[in-house]
Protein backbone atom coordinates (compact mmCIF):
# COMPACT_ATOMS: atom_id res chain seq x y z
CA MET A 1 -23.94 -37.33 -31.57
CA HIS A 2 -27.05 -36.13 -33.38
CA GLU A 3 -29.38 -38.46 -35.23
CA ASP A 4 -29.66 -37.61 -38.91
CA GLY A 5 -33.35 -38.38 -39.05
CA ASN A 6 -33.24 -41.63 -41.03
CA GLY A 7 -32.65 -43.83 -38.02
CA ASP A 8 -29.41 -45.39 -39.23
CA GLY A 9 -27.48 -44.13 -36.19
CA ARG A 10 -24.97 -42.12 -38.19
CA GLY A 11 -24.44 -38.71 -36.68
CA VAL A 12 -24.30 -35.31 -38.32
CA GLU A 13 -20.66 -34.94 -37.28
CA SER A 14 -19.64 -38.06 -39.19
CA GLU A 15 -21.28 -36.74 -42.35
CA VAL A 16 -19.47 -33.40 -42.09
CA SER A 17 -16.14 -35.02 -41.32
CA THR A 18 -16.25 -37.28 -44.39
CA SER A 19 -18.31 -35.78 -47.19
CA GLY A 20 -18.29 -32.14 -46.00
CA LEU A 21 -14.62 -31.60 -46.65
CA ASP A 22 -15.10 -31.23 -50.39
CA HIS A 23 -18.48 -29.48 -50.18
CA PRO A 24 -18.26 -26.25 -52.22
CA GLY A 25 -19.54 -24.22 -49.26
CA PHE A 26 -16.76 -25.42 -46.96
CA LEU A 27 -14.16 -24.89 -49.68
CA ALA A 28 -15.39 -21.32 -50.20
CA LEU A 29 -15.53 -20.72 -46.44
CA GLU A 30 -11.95 -21.92 -45.97
CA ARG A 31 -10.72 -19.72 -48.83
CA GLU A 32 -12.56 -16.59 -47.67
CA LEU A 33 -11.56 -17.02 -44.03
CA THR A 34 -7.93 -17.39 -45.10
CA VAL A 35 -8.12 -14.07 -46.96
CA LEU A 36 -9.96 -12.40 -44.08
CA LEU A 37 -7.46 -13.62 -41.47
CA ARG A 38 -4.48 -12.58 -43.58
CA ARG A 39 -5.92 -9.09 -43.95
CA ALA A 40 -6.84 -8.97 -40.26
CA ARG A 41 -3.24 -9.77 -39.25
CA ALA A 42 -1.94 -7.02 -41.52
CA ASN A 43 -4.54 -4.57 -40.19
CA GLN A 44 -3.69 -5.47 -36.60
CA GLY A 45 -0.09 -4.43 -37.22
CA GLU A 46 -1.24 -1.13 -38.72
CA MET A 47 -3.61 -0.47 -35.82
CA ALA A 48 -0.89 -1.30 -33.29
CA ARG A 49 1.43 1.25 -34.91
CA GLU A 50 -1.39 3.81 -34.89
CA VAL A 51 -1.74 3.33 -31.11
CA HIS A 52 2.04 3.71 -30.67
CA PRO A 53 4.86 3.37 -33.21
CA ASP A 54 6.72 0.93 -30.92
CA LEU A 55 3.73 -1.28 -30.12
CA GLU A 56 4.00 -4.93 -31.13
CA SER A 57 1.19 -6.20 -33.31
CA ALA A 58 0.25 -8.96 -30.86
CA ALA A 59 -0.15 -6.48 -28.00
CA TYR A 60 -2.97 -4.61 -29.74
CA GLY A 61 -5.42 -7.37 -28.82
CA LEU A 62 -4.48 -6.99 -25.15
CA LEU A 63 -5.29 -3.30 -25.27
CA VAL A 64 -8.65 -3.95 -26.92
CA ARG A 65 -9.47 -6.61 -24.31
CA LEU A 66 -8.65 -4.20 -21.48
CA ASP A 67 -10.66 -1.46 -23.18
CA GLU A 68 -13.71 -3.73 -23.47
CA CYS A 69 -13.51 -5.57 -20.16
CA GLY A 70 -11.65 -3.28 -17.79
CA ARG A 71 -8.84 -4.23 -15.49
CA GLN A 72 -7.84 -7.88 -15.37
CA ARG A 73 -5.25 -10.19 -13.92
CA ALA A 74 -2.35 -11.06 -16.18
CA THR A 75 -3.27 -14.75 -15.94
CA ALA A 76 -6.77 -14.02 -17.28
CA LEU A 77 -5.30 -12.01 -20.15
CA ALA A 78 -2.83 -14.79 -20.95
CA ALA A 79 -5.64 -17.36 -21.01
CA TYR A 80 -7.81 -15.17 -23.24
CA ILE A 81 -5.02 -14.43 -25.72
CA GLY A 82 -3.67 -17.98 -25.55
CA VAL A 83 -0.09 -17.32 -24.44
CA GLY A 84 2.02 -18.37 -21.49
CA LYS A 85 2.75 -16.34 -18.37
CA ALA A 86 6.27 -15.42 -19.50
CA THR A 87 5.04 -14.07 -22.85
CA MET A 88 2.27 -12.13 -21.13
CA SER A 89 4.69 -10.65 -18.59
CA ARG A 90 7.00 -9.50 -21.39
CA GLN A 91 4.14 -7.93 -23.35
CA LEU A 92 2.76 -6.18 -20.27
CA ARG A 93 6.20 -4.79 -19.35
CA ALA A 94 6.49 -3.36 -22.86
CA LEU A 95 3.01 -1.82 -22.60
CA GLU A 96 3.90 -0.34 -19.22
CA ASP A 97 7.11 1.10 -20.64
CA LEU A 98 5.04 2.78 -23.38
CA GLY A 99 2.69 4.25 -20.75
CA LEU A 100 -0.34 2.38 -22.11
CA VAL A 101 -1.10 0.13 -19.11
CA ALA A 102 -0.47 0.20 -15.38
CA ARG A 103 -0.56 -2.49 -12.73
CA GLU A 104 -2.34 -2.08 -9.43
CA PRO A 105 -2.78 -4.42 -6.47
CA ASP A 106 -5.83 -6.66 -6.66
CA PRO A 107 -8.08 -5.65 -3.74
CA ALA A 108 -9.44 -9.21 -3.59
CA ASP A 109 -5.95 -10.75 -3.30
CA GLY A 110 -3.03 -8.67 -2.08
CA ARG A 111 -0.55 -11.03 -3.74
CA ALA A 112 -2.01 -10.50 -7.21
CA TRP A 113 -1.98 -7.54 -9.59
CA LEU A 114 -4.57 -6.14 -11.95
CA VAL A 115 -3.67 -4.61 -15.28
CA ALA A 116 -5.60 -1.61 -16.58
CA LEU A 117 -5.34 0.85 -19.42
CA THR A 118 -3.90 4.22 -18.47
CA ARG A 119 -5.82 7.32 -19.54
CA GLU A 120 -3.29 7.66 -22.41
CA GLY A 121 -3.78 4.01 -23.37
CA HIS A 122 -7.56 4.35 -23.31
CA ASP A 123 -7.50 7.51 -25.41
CA ARG A 124 -5.19 6.00 -28.02
CA VAL A 125 -7.11 2.71 -28.29
CA THR A 126 -10.44 4.55 -28.53
CA ARG A 127 -9.13 6.75 -31.34
CA VAL A 128 -7.83 3.78 -33.34
CA ARG A 129 -10.98 1.69 -32.81
CA GLU A 130 -13.20 4.57 -33.91
CA ALA A 131 -11.06 5.04 -37.04
CA ARG A 132 -11.33 1.31 -37.77
CA ARG A 133 -15.13 1.37 -37.46
CA ALA A 134 -15.21 4.39 -39.78
CA ARG A 135 -13.17 2.41 -42.35
CA TYR A 136 -15.63 -0.49 -42.08
CA ALA A 137 -18.53 1.92 -42.56
CA ARG A 138 -16.91 3.41 -45.68
CA ARG A 139 -16.09 0.00 -47.17
CA LEU A 140 -19.58 -1.34 -46.49
CA GLU A 141 -21.52 1.82 -47.28
CA ASN A 142 -23.28 0.06 -50.18
CA TRP A 143 -24.49 -2.74 -47.93
CA ASP A 144 -27.94 -2.71 -46.41
CA SER A 145 -27.70 -2.19 -42.64
CA ARG A 146 -29.51 -5.52 -42.13
CA GLU A 147 -26.73 -7.27 -44.08
CA VAL A 148 -24.09 -5.72 -41.82
CA THR A 149 -26.05 -6.84 -38.77
CA GLU A 150 -26.43 -10.34 -40.23
CA LEU A 151 -22.71 -10.56 -40.99
CA ALA A 152 -21.93 -9.56 -37.40
CA ARG A 153 -24.37 -12.19 -36.12
CA LEU A 154 -22.89 -14.94 -38.30
CA LEU A 155 -19.33 -14.04 -37.31
CA HIS A 156 -20.39 -14.11 -33.66
CA GLU A 157 -21.83 -17.60 -34.17
CA LEU A 158 -18.64 -18.70 -35.90
CA ASN A 159 -16.51 -17.35 -33.05
CA ARG A 160 -18.71 -19.05 -30.45
CA GLY A 161 -18.41 -22.33 -32.34
CA MET A 162 -14.62 -21.99 -32.45
CA GLU A 163 -14.49 -21.71 -28.64
CA LYS A 164 -15.94 -25.20 -28.19
């Protein structure tokens, strides 16, 4: 707990949890994040279909994770996405069937498997991600580049805070 500076022992968290709930900034934040998340879910479905017409919306995030981080164990992917092993196995089987990922033995543990994008999977994900960044650039073309950088920084801070 953080001291609030007046020595009364009340922490910053207690102030936010009681009086912060109706603060106009938190109300606006909640509203804008709701809109952003709703649009992000819709866009994720569109991007998944751009990668492959039969790709489930939820699987798009797996492909992006593999594109950014390289091959991974299914258990690590499940933990990152926040799903169980059975759900992850089903999603990976579907991605394998579409030719977007392949499994290979883990050289560090012969009993385990690593999942990686195939060349086709990498090419498709790269194309869709580049198109998405181009859409962002068009929609934010009137923004100063420093504002875009600041927005990215603030969103990064928000995401880090949500992990705790």
